[in-house]
Protein backbone atom coordinates (compact mmCIF):
# COMPACT_ATOMS: atom_id res chain seq x y z
CA MET A 1 40.89 22.55 -41.82
CA ARG A 2 40.05 19.88 -40.32
CA SER A 3 36.46 20.38 -37.96
CA GLY A 4 35.84 17.89 -34.99
CA PHE A 5 35.99 17.46 -30.62
CA THR A 6 38.86 17.61 -29.19
CA LEU A 7 40.28 14.91 -26.89
CA VAL A 8 39.51 17.65 -24.03
CA GLU A 9 36.02 18.49 -25.32
CA ILE A 10 34.76 14.94 -25.40
CA LEU A 11 35.86 14.09 -21.63
CA MET A 12 34.52 17.16 -20.78
CA ALA A 13 30.46 16.03 -22.03
CA VAL A 14 31.44 12.25 -20.36
CA LEU A 15 32.12 14.03 -16.93
CA LEU A 16 29.35 16.19 -16.67
CA LEU A 17 27.26 13.38 -17.92
CA SER A 18 27.69 10.91 -15.32
CA VAL A 19 28.01 13.93 -12.56
CA LEU A 20 24.84 14.28 -13.52
CA ALA A 21 23.31 10.24 -13.94
CA THR A 22 25.34 10.24 -10.43
CA ILE A 23 22.53 12.46 -9.42
CA GLY A 24 20.03 11.33 -10.46
CA ILE A 25 20.11 7.76 -9.61
CA THR A 26 20.58 8.67 -5.98
CA GLN A 27 17.43 10.17 -6.09
CA PHE A 28 15.59 8.04 -7.26
CA THR A 29 17.06 5.67 -5.14
CA ASP A 30 15.72 8.26 -1.68
CA PHE A 31 12.75 8.15 -3.94
CA SER A 32 12.06 4.57 -4.15
CA LYS A 33 13.00 4.01 -0.21
CA ASP A 34 10.35 6.23 0.50
CA ALA A 35 7.88 4.69 -2.14
CA ARG A 36 7.95 1.58 -0.66
CA THR A 37 8.32 2.58 2.71
CA VAL A 38 4.50 4.84 2.19
CA VAL A 39 3.16 1.83 0.20
CA THR A 40 4.19 -0.66 3.57
CA THR A 41 2.60 1.24 5.64
CA GLU A 42 -0.82 1.94 4.25
CA LYS A 43 -0.81 -1.63 3.74
CA LEU A 44 -0.04 -2.47 7.40
CA MET A 45 -2.37 0.64 8.34
CA ALA A 46 -5.10 -1.81 5.22
CA LEU A 47 -4.68 -4.48 7.53
CA LYS A 48 -5.18 -3.45 10.66
CA THR A 49 -8.91 -1.60 9.46
CA ALA A 50 -9.51 -5.52 7.99
CA ILE A 51 -9.13 -6.78 11.73
CA MET A 52 -10.88 -4.32 13.78
CA GLY A 53 -12.16 -2.25 10.98
CA ASP A 54 -13.26 1.04 10.55
CA PRO A 55 -14.56 3.28 13.17
CA GLN A 56 -14.89 6.71 10.56
CA PHE A 57 -17.65 4.69 8.49
CA HIS A 58 -21.07 4.64 10.10
CA ALA A 59 -24.79 4.73 8.99
CA GLY A 60 -28.04 5.00 11.09
CA GLY A 61 -26.26 4.62 14.13
CA GLU A 62 -23.87 1.53 13.54
CA TYR A 63 -21.05 1.08 11.70
CA THR A 64 -20.73 0.06 7.82
CA LYS A 65 -16.99 -1.21 7.88
CA GLN A 66 -16.42 -3.01 10.52
CA GLY A 67 -13.86 -5.43 10.70
CA TYR A 68 -12.83 -9.50 11.78
CA GLN A 69 -12.66 -8.63 15.78
CA ALA A 70 -16.29 -7.33 15.44
CA HIS A 71 -17.71 -9.89 13.60
CA CYS A 72 -15.95 -12.53 15.29
CA THR A 73 -15.61 -10.92 19.06
CA THR A 74 -12.07 -12.15 18.80
CA PRO A 75 -8.87 -10.66 17.23
CA PRO A 76 -7.52 -13.70 14.38
CA ALA A 77 -4.75 -15.77 14.97
CA ALA A 78 -3.01 -15.27 12.16
CA LEU A 79 -3.44 -13.28 9.41
CA ALA A 80 -4.12 -16.05 7.09
CA ASP A 81 -7.80 -15.78 8.75
CA LEU A 82 -8.73 -12.71 7.58
CA ILE A 83 -8.97 -14.57 4.07
CA THR A 84 -10.05 -17.46 4.60
CA MET A 85 -12.42 -18.84 7.66
CA PRO A 86 -10.83 -20.52 10.93
CA VAL A 87 -10.92 -23.68 11.77
CA ALA A 88 -10.47 -23.66 15.05
CA GLY A 89 -11.47 -19.88 17.63
CA ASN A 90 -14.47 -17.88 18.24
CA CYS A 91 -15.09 -17.65 14.24
CA THR A 92 -15.67 -21.09 12.76
CA THR A 93 -19.08 -20.06 11.48
CA VAL A 94 -20.82 -18.61 8.48
CA TYR A 95 -22.25 -14.91 9.44
CA ASP A 96 -25.25 -14.63 10.82
CA PRO A 97 -27.15 -11.11 9.84
CA PHE A 98 -29.03 -11.41 12.79
CA LEU A 99 -26.63 -12.80 15.25
CA LYS A 100 -24.44 -10.24 13.72
CA THR A 101 -21.57 -12.57 14.47
CA GLY A 102 -19.81 -15.01 12.28
CA TRP A 103 -16.92 -14.92 9.14
CA ARG A 104 -17.40 -12.92 6.61
CA GLY A 105 -14.96 -12.55 5.18
CA PRO A 106 -12.22 -12.57 3.33
CA TYR A 107 -11.50 -8.82 5.48
CA VAL A 108 -8.79 -8.63 2.65
CA THR A 109 -8.44 -8.08 -1.18
CA THR A 110 -6.66 -11.61 -2.53
CA THR A 111 -6.58 -10.65 -6.14
CA ASP A 112 -3.18 -9.94 -5.02
CA SER A 113 -1.36 -12.39 -4.06
CA LEU A 114 1.60 -10.13 -2.19
CA TRP A 115 -1.34 -9.43 0.45
CA ASN A 116 0.56 -10.20 3.40
CA VAL A 117 3.79 -9.39 1.97
CA ASP A 118 5.65 -6.15 2.21
CA ALA A 119 6.56 -3.56 -0.90
CA TRP A 120 10.61 -5.41 -0.06
CA GLY A 121 9.06 -8.47 -0.51
CA THR A 122 8.90 -9.80 2.86
CA ALA A 123 6.54 -11.30 4.78
CA ILE A 124 4.26 -9.29 7.47
CA GLU A 125 4.17 -10.42 10.51
CA TYR A 126 1.57 -10.49 13.26
CA TYR A 127 1.91 -10.99 16.65
CA VAL A 128 0.09 -10.67 20.14
CA THR A 129 2.75 -7.71 21.96
CA GLY A 130 0.64 -8.41 24.90
CA PRO A 131 -2.74 -8.26 25.90
CA PRO A 132 -5.10 -6.61 24.89
CA ALA A 133 -2.03 -5.07 22.15
CA ARG A 134 -1.33 -6.67 19.10
CA THR A 135 1.20 -5.41 16.51
CA ILE A 136 1.40 -5.69 12.59
CA ARG A 137 5.51 -5.01 11.42
CA SER A 138 7.21 -5.06 8.50
CA CYS A 139 10.82 -5.79 9.24
CA GLY A 140 11.86 -2.71 6.11
CA PRO A 141 14.46 -2.18 3.68
CA ASP A 142 17.37 -4.26 5.22
CA LYS A 143 14.38 -6.96 5.43
CA THR A 144 15.94 -7.82 8.69
CA CYS A 145 13.21 -7.82 11.63
CA GLY A 146 13.83 -6.18 15.41
CA THR A 147 15.82 -2.66 13.80
CA THR A 148 15.78 0.64 13.81
CA ASP A 149 13.97 0.73 9.67
CA ASP A 150 10.69 -1.39 11.02
CA ILE A 151 7.32 -0.70 10.21
CA THR A 152 4.80 -0.66 12.70
CA VAL A 153 1.12 -1.07 13.94
CA THR A 154 0.74 -1.24 17.18
CA TYR A 155 -3.00 -1.20 18.17
């Protein structure tokens, strides 16, 4: 008498494992997309805070987390102005603590070389949508701007 598995039993085990793998991969893919969307949204909000400041942080009647616009009196012309002092415009001098004006950056963490890239590896766009509105946009999962999956922050 021989012991072992029949061909039908092996095929059923392989079928069961492939069904479980398919379900697992589908769930992981959806989770990955959601996680990238959350990370990108947080990055866009952090860039907005770097530009506008955060009014929730205040002490002694003054805001303690001011952004580029509070120091320079105008929004930046490009996102690069958040990490290096611009050569033209209203913010070409170092911050003066008595006048409370001038460039006091960098306004974003520069230890991450991908500070201006979304979770899909696409450059984040920053542009004027009309005075005084500005928009920070990620092209989203399809990496094509102007489609329905874009992630935008307008202020």
